[in-house]
Amino acid sequence: MAIDIGRLESELLQMSADGAPGREFCESIAELARTGRFEQLRKVLPEIVYDELWARYQQNEAAFVAGWRMLAQEMRQGFIQHARQRITSLTRLQQAGTDETPPVWQEIQRALDGQQNDLLRTALALELLELVEPAVLRATHLRECVVDSPSSEEADRYLDEATRCYFFGMFTACAVMSRSVLEEAIKQKLPPALTRQIRTRYRKTATLGNLLHEVNNNLQMTGFDADFPRVANLVNDTGRKAVHQGLLSEDEARGCLQNARQALQLLLRA
C-alpha cells in the first residue's frame, strides 16, 4: 500500500487543530490578568514562565491583556507555526541585550511546553514528515556495505550515524562521521607493533590523517589493500573540509559517504 506523506501531514494538522489548547489558555490568562487574579497562575505555570509573565504584566497591564486576547484569536490557525518557530529558536543563537520585546507567542509556547507538550510534539512530527521523501531518494543512492570481516561495534555506530545524517540532510555531520568510521576501523586492524609505534609518536591522539600517513609508509606491514590509502584519503580530505572550511553540499556528503563505505570494504577484506 502506498504511503501518502501529504495525507499524513493533513491528518496530523487536523488532529492538532481539533484539540488545540492555545485559545482557551490565552483567554484564561487575559481574563485573570484583567480581573486582578494574576496570582492564580502561579499554581499552574512553571516558576520561570510565571516570573516572565508577571514582569511583562507589571510593565503595561492593558497591553498585556490586549496582547493575550489577540493571541487567543490567532492561536486557532497559528499555534502550530508558533511551535515550529519555537523549535527554530532553540537551534540558533539568540542575541542578548537587544531592545526588541520577545513576541507573545514565545510566552505561551514556554507555558504550554511545561504542560502537555502537544505543540512541540506536533511541530516535530511535521518536521520529521518533511524529511521522509528526501531521505527515501537519498537511500536509493546507496547499497549495503558488505565486508568479509567485522570491525567493531563503535565503527558500526559511526557508520550508522554517518548514513542517517546523509539521509536527513545533515551533510557536514555526515562527512565528519564518515571520517570517524575509518579512524576507528583502521585502529582495529593495525598490527600491534604499528599500534604501539603510533601511540608513542602521536601520544594517543592520532588523527585519521596521521593514521593514513603511517599506513602508507608501512603498507606491506599492515597487509592492507594497496588501493585503500587512496580512497581513505578522499574521505579524510572531505571530512577536513567539513571541519575547517564550512558546510558541505549534498553531493559532497554523498561522495564522502560512498568513499568511506568503499574504503571499509577494502580494509575489511578477509
Protein backbone atom coordinates (compact mmCIF):
# COMPACT_ATOMS: atom_id res chain seq x y z
CA MET A 1 0.00 0.00 0.00
CA ALA A 2 1.38 3.40 -0.98
CA ILE A 3 2.06 5.84 1.84
CA ASP A 4 0.84 9.35 1.10
CA ILE A 5 3.04 11.70 3.14
CA GLY A 6 0.89 14.70 2.22
CA ARG A 7 -2.19 12.94 3.57
CA LEU A 8 -0.38 12.12 6.82
CA GLU A 9 0.55 15.79 7.20
CA SER A 10 -3.05 16.89 6.60
CA GLU A 11 -4.41 14.38 9.11
CA LEU A 12 -1.83 15.43 11.69
CA LEU A 13 -2.77 19.08 11.27
CA GLN A 14 -6.44 18.24 11.60
CA MET A 15 -5.90 16.24 14.80
CA SER A 16 -3.85 19.08 16.21
CA ALA A 17 -6.44 21.72 15.32
CA ASP A 18 -9.26 19.68 16.88
CA GLY A 19 -7.53 19.63 20.24
CA ALA A 20 -5.72 22.94 20.11
CA PRO A 21 -5.19 24.10 23.69
CA GLY A 22 -3.90 27.56 22.87
CA ARG A 23 -7.04 29.66 22.53
CA GLU A 24 -8.63 28.71 25.85
CA PHE A 25 -5.26 29.07 27.55
CA CYS A 26 -4.73 32.58 26.18
CA GLU A 27 -8.23 33.71 27.07
CA SER A 28 -7.81 32.43 30.61
CA ILE A 29 -4.56 34.34 31.11
CA ALA A 30 -6.11 37.53 29.72
CA GLU A 31 -9.17 37.23 31.97
CA LEU A 32 -7.18 36.50 35.12
CA ALA A 33 -4.95 39.47 34.40
CA ARG A 34 -7.91 41.77 33.66
CA THR A 35 -9.71 40.88 36.87
CA GLY A 36 -6.67 41.18 39.13
CA ARG A 37 -6.31 37.43 39.75
CA PHE A 38 -2.89 37.01 38.16
CA GLU A 39 -1.58 35.29 41.31
CA GLN A 40 -3.69 32.22 40.49
CA LEU A 41 -1.40 31.46 37.54
CA ARG A 42 1.41 30.64 39.95
CA LYS A 43 -0.22 27.29 40.69
CA VAL A 44 -0.41 26.15 37.06
CA LEU A 45 2.70 27.60 35.39
CA PRO A 46 6.37 26.70 35.78
CA GLU A 47 8.09 29.24 38.02
CA ILE A 48 10.30 30.68 35.30
CA VAL A 49 7.30 31.19 32.99
CA TYR A 50 5.23 32.78 35.74
CA ASP A 51 8.04 35.20 36.55
CA GLU A 52 8.36 36.24 32.90
CA LEU A 53 4.63 36.84 32.53
CA TRP A 54 4.44 38.75 35.81
CA ALA A 55 7.27 41.06 34.76
CA ARG A 56 5.52 41.73 31.44
CA TYR A 57 2.20 42.34 33.18
CA GLN A 58 3.73 44.90 35.55
CA GLN A 59 5.25 46.85 32.66
CA ASN A 60 1.90 47.53 30.98
CA GLU A 61 -1.25 45.82 32.29
CA ALA A 62 -3.56 46.99 29.50
CA ALA A 63 -1.15 45.97 26.75
CA PHE A 64 -0.62 42.59 28.41
CA VAL A 65 -4.35 41.82 28.48
CA ALA A 66 -4.87 43.06 24.92
CA GLY A 67 -1.93 41.05 23.65
CA TRP A 68 -3.16 37.82 25.12
CA ARG A 69 -6.68 38.39 23.83
CA MET A 70 -5.35 38.96 20.33
CA LEU A 71 -3.20 35.86 20.62
CA ALA A 72 -6.26 33.85 21.62
CA GLN A 73 -7.82 34.71 18.26
CA GLU A 74 -4.64 33.84 16.36
CA MET A 75 -3.99 30.53 18.07
CA ARG A 76 -6.74 28.60 16.31
CA GLN A 77 -4.92 28.98 12.98
CA GLY A 78 -1.38 29.75 14.01
CA PHE A 79 -0.41 27.72 17.06
CA ILE A 80 1.44 25.07 15.05
CA GLN A 81 3.50 27.73 13.31
CA HIS A 82 4.28 29.24 16.70
CA ALA A 83 5.58 25.87 17.85
CA ARG A 84 7.76 25.48 14.78
CA GLN A 85 9.23 28.92 15.35
CA ARG A 86 9.88 27.90 18.95
CA ILE A 87 11.89 24.89 17.76
CA THR A 88 13.82 27.09 15.35
CA SER A 89 14.66 29.49 18.15
CA LEU A 90 16.19 26.59 20.07
CA THR A 91 18.52 25.73 17.19
CA ARG A 92 20.03 29.19 16.75
CA LEU A 93 21.99 31.65 18.84
CA GLN A 94 19.83 34.34 20.37
CA GLN A 95 21.48 37.72 20.90
CA ALA A 96 21.19 39.17 24.38
CA GLY A 97 20.76 42.83 25.19
CA THR A 98 18.50 43.78 22.29
CA ASP A 99 15.71 46.28 22.84
CA GLU A 100 13.17 44.16 20.99
CA THR A 101 10.45 42.64 23.18
CA PRO A 102 10.07 38.87 22.67
CA PRO A 103 6.86 38.07 20.78
CA VAL A 104 3.88 36.98 22.85
CA TRP A 105 3.79 33.56 21.20
CA GLN A 106 7.06 32.71 22.93
CA GLU A 107 5.40 33.21 26.28
CA ILE A 108 2.53 30.85 25.59
CA GLN A 109 4.88 28.36 23.93
CA ARG A 110 7.05 28.16 27.03
CA ALA A 111 3.97 27.84 29.20
CA LEU A 112 2.45 25.03 27.15
CA ASP A 113 5.83 23.29 26.82
CA GLY A 114 5.71 22.85 30.57
CA GLN A 115 2.29 21.19 30.42
CA GLN A 116 1.23 18.68 27.76
CA ASN A 117 3.92 19.34 25.14
CA ASP A 118 1.34 18.85 22.38
CA LEU A 119 2.53 21.87 20.43
CA LEU A 120 6.15 20.71 20.29
CA ARG A 121 5.05 17.15 19.55
CA THR A 122 3.03 18.26 16.53
CA ALA A 123 5.71 20.63 15.24
CA LEU A 124 8.41 17.96 15.45
CA ALA A 125 6.17 15.38 13.80
CA LEU A 126 5.61 17.75 10.86
CA GLU A 127 9.33 18.41 10.51
CA LEU A 128 10.08 14.69 10.51
CA LEU A 129 7.41 14.02 7.89
CA GLU A 130 9.02 16.62 5.64
CA LEU A 131 12.28 14.66 5.84
CA VAL A 132 10.79 11.38 4.64
CA GLU A 133 10.68 11.84 0.87
CA PRO A 134 14.17 13.40 0.54
CA ALA A 135 15.54 10.61 2.78
CA VAL A 136 13.90 7.96 0.61
CA LEU A 137 15.51 9.44 -2.50
CA ARG A 138 18.94 9.58 -0.87
CA ALA A 139 18.62 6.00 0.32
CA THR A 140 18.19 4.87 -3.29
CA HIS A 141 21.73 6.11 -3.99
CA LEU A 142 23.26 3.59 -1.59
CA ARG A 143 23.67 -0.16 -1.45
CA GLU A 144 24.51 -2.39 1.51
CA CYS A 145 28.13 -2.20 2.62
CA VAL A 146 29.15 -5.87 2.58
CA VAL A 147 32.54 -6.75 4.14
CA ASP A 148 34.39 -10.02 4.68
CA SER A 149 35.33 -9.44 8.32
CA PRO A 150 33.83 -7.36 11.16
CA SER A 151 35.42 -4.24 12.62
CA SER A 152 33.94 -3.08 15.95
CA GLU A 153 30.66 -2.01 17.47
CA GLU A 154 31.95 1.58 17.57
CA ALA A 155 32.67 1.54 13.83
CA ASP A 156 29.17 0.22 13.15
CA ARG A 157 27.67 3.01 15.24
CA TYR A 158 29.75 5.65 13.46
CA LEU A 159 28.65 4.30 10.08
CA ASP A 160 25.04 4.24 11.24
CA GLU A 161 25.24 7.90 12.30
CA ALA A 162 27.05 8.96 9.14
CA THR A 163 24.43 7.30 6.95
CA ARG A 164 21.46 8.67 8.86
CA CYS A 165 22.99 12.16 8.77
CA TYR A 166 23.11 11.82 4.98
CA PHE A 167 19.51 10.59 4.83
CA PHE A 168 18.21 13.51 6.87
CA GLY A 169 20.17 16.29 5.22
CA MET A 170 22.93 16.85 7.80
CA PHE A 171 25.65 16.75 5.17
CA THR A 172 28.54 18.29 7.09
CA ALA A 173 27.94 15.97 10.04
CA CYS A 174 27.81 13.04 7.59
CA ALA A 175 31.35 13.79 6.38
CA VAL A 176 32.70 14.23 9.91
CA MET A 177 31.22 10.90 10.99
CA SER A 178 32.47 9.18 7.83
CA ARG A 179 35.98 10.17 8.82
CA SER A 180 35.39 8.79 12.32
CA VAL A 181 34.29 5.44 10.84
CA LEU A 182 37.59 4.97 9.05
CA GLU A 183 39.63 6.17 12.01
CA GLU A 184 38.03 3.58 14.26
CA ALA A 185 38.21 0.77 11.68
CA ILE A 186 41.91 1.40 10.97
CA LYS A 187 42.77 1.30 14.68
CA GLN A 188 41.08 -2.07 14.95
CA LYS A 189 43.04 -3.52 12.01
CA LEU A 190 46.55 -2.22 12.66
CA PRO A 191 49.24 -4.74 13.65
CA PRO A 192 50.10 -4.46 17.38
CA ALA A 193 53.65 -3.28 16.70
CA LEU A 194 52.47 -0.42 14.50
CA THR A 195 49.75 0.46 17.01
CA ARG A 196 52.34 0.87 19.75
CA GLN A 197 54.52 2.97 17.48
CA ILE A 198 51.63 5.28 16.58
CA ARG A 199 50.55 5.68 20.20
CA THR A 200 54.05 6.70 21.17
CA ARG A 201 54.55 9.05 18.24
CA TYR A 202 51.20 10.83 18.48
CA ARG A 203 50.61 10.49 22.24
CA LYS A 204 47.42 8.50 21.68
CA THR A 205 45.80 11.35 19.71
CA ALA A 206 46.47 10.27 16.12
CA THR A 207 44.01 11.73 13.61
CA LEU A 208 42.80 9.92 10.50
CA GLY A 209 45.42 11.85 8.54
CA ASN A 210 48.15 10.62 10.89
CA LEU A 211 46.91 7.06 10.65
CA LEU A 212 46.80 7.15 6.85
CA HIS A 213 50.34 8.57 6.76
CA GLU A 214 51.58 5.65 8.86
CA VAL A 215 49.60 3.12 6.86
CA ASN A 216 51.01 4.45 3.59
CA ASN A 217 54.57 4.24 4.95
CA ASN A 218 54.03 0.71 6.29
CA LEU A 219 51.59 -0.72 3.76
CA GLN A 220 53.33 -4.08 3.48
CA MET A 221 53.46 -4.43 7.26
CA THR A 222 49.73 -3.69 7.61
CA GLY A 223 48.66 -6.07 4.88
CA PHE A 224 46.03 -3.56 3.74
CA ASP A 225 44.81 -3.45 0.15
CA ALA A 226 47.07 -1.21 -1.91
CA ASP A 227 44.12 0.92 -3.06
CA PHE A 228 42.88 1.59 0.47
CA PRO A 229 45.03 4.69 1.25
CA ARG A 230 43.90 6.49 -1.90
CA VAL A 231 40.18 6.02 -1.21
CA ALA A 232 40.55 6.71 2.51
CA ASN A 233 42.40 9.95 1.80
CA LEU A 234 39.43 11.18 -0.23
CA VAL A 235 37.27 10.71 2.86
CA ASN A 236 39.82 12.48 5.05
CA ASP A 237 40.04 15.43 2.66
CA THR A 238 36.28 15.94 2.59
CA GLY A 239 35.98 15.47 6.34
CA ARG A 240 38.72 18.02 6.94
CA LYS A 241 36.93 20.46 4.65
CA ALA A 242 33.73 19.92 6.65
CA VAL A 243 35.52 20.79 9.89
CA HIS A 244 37.62 23.71 8.73
CA GLN A 245 36.12 25.26 5.58
CA GLY A 246 32.35 25.31 6.02
CA LEU A 247 29.15 23.47 5.21
CA LEU A 248 29.10 20.75 2.58
CA SER A 249 26.70 20.15 -0.28
CA GLU A 250 24.60 17.03 -0.67
CA ASP A 251 26.82 15.77 -3.49
CA GLU A 252 29.95 16.21 -1.39
CA ALA A 253 28.41 14.36 1.54
CA ARG A 254 27.19 11.50 -0.66
CA GLY A 255 30.62 11.17 -2.28
CA CYS A 256 32.33 11.15 1.10
CA LEU A 257 29.98 8.50 2.49
CA GLN A 258 30.32 6.30 -0.59
CA ASN A 259 34.10 6.57 -0.44
CA ALA A 260 34.05 5.66 3.25
CA ARG A 261 31.99 2.56 2.50
CA GLN A 262 34.32 1.57 -0.33
CA ALA A 263 37.34 2.09 1.93
CA LEU A 264 35.76 -0.14 4.58
CA GLN A 265 35.22 -2.88 2.03
CA LEU A 266 38.88 -2.67 1.02
CA LEU A 267 40.05 -2.58 4.63
CA LEU A 268 37.88 -5.43 5.88
CA ARG A 269 38.72 -7.98 3.26
CA ALA A 270 39.38 -11.47 4.55
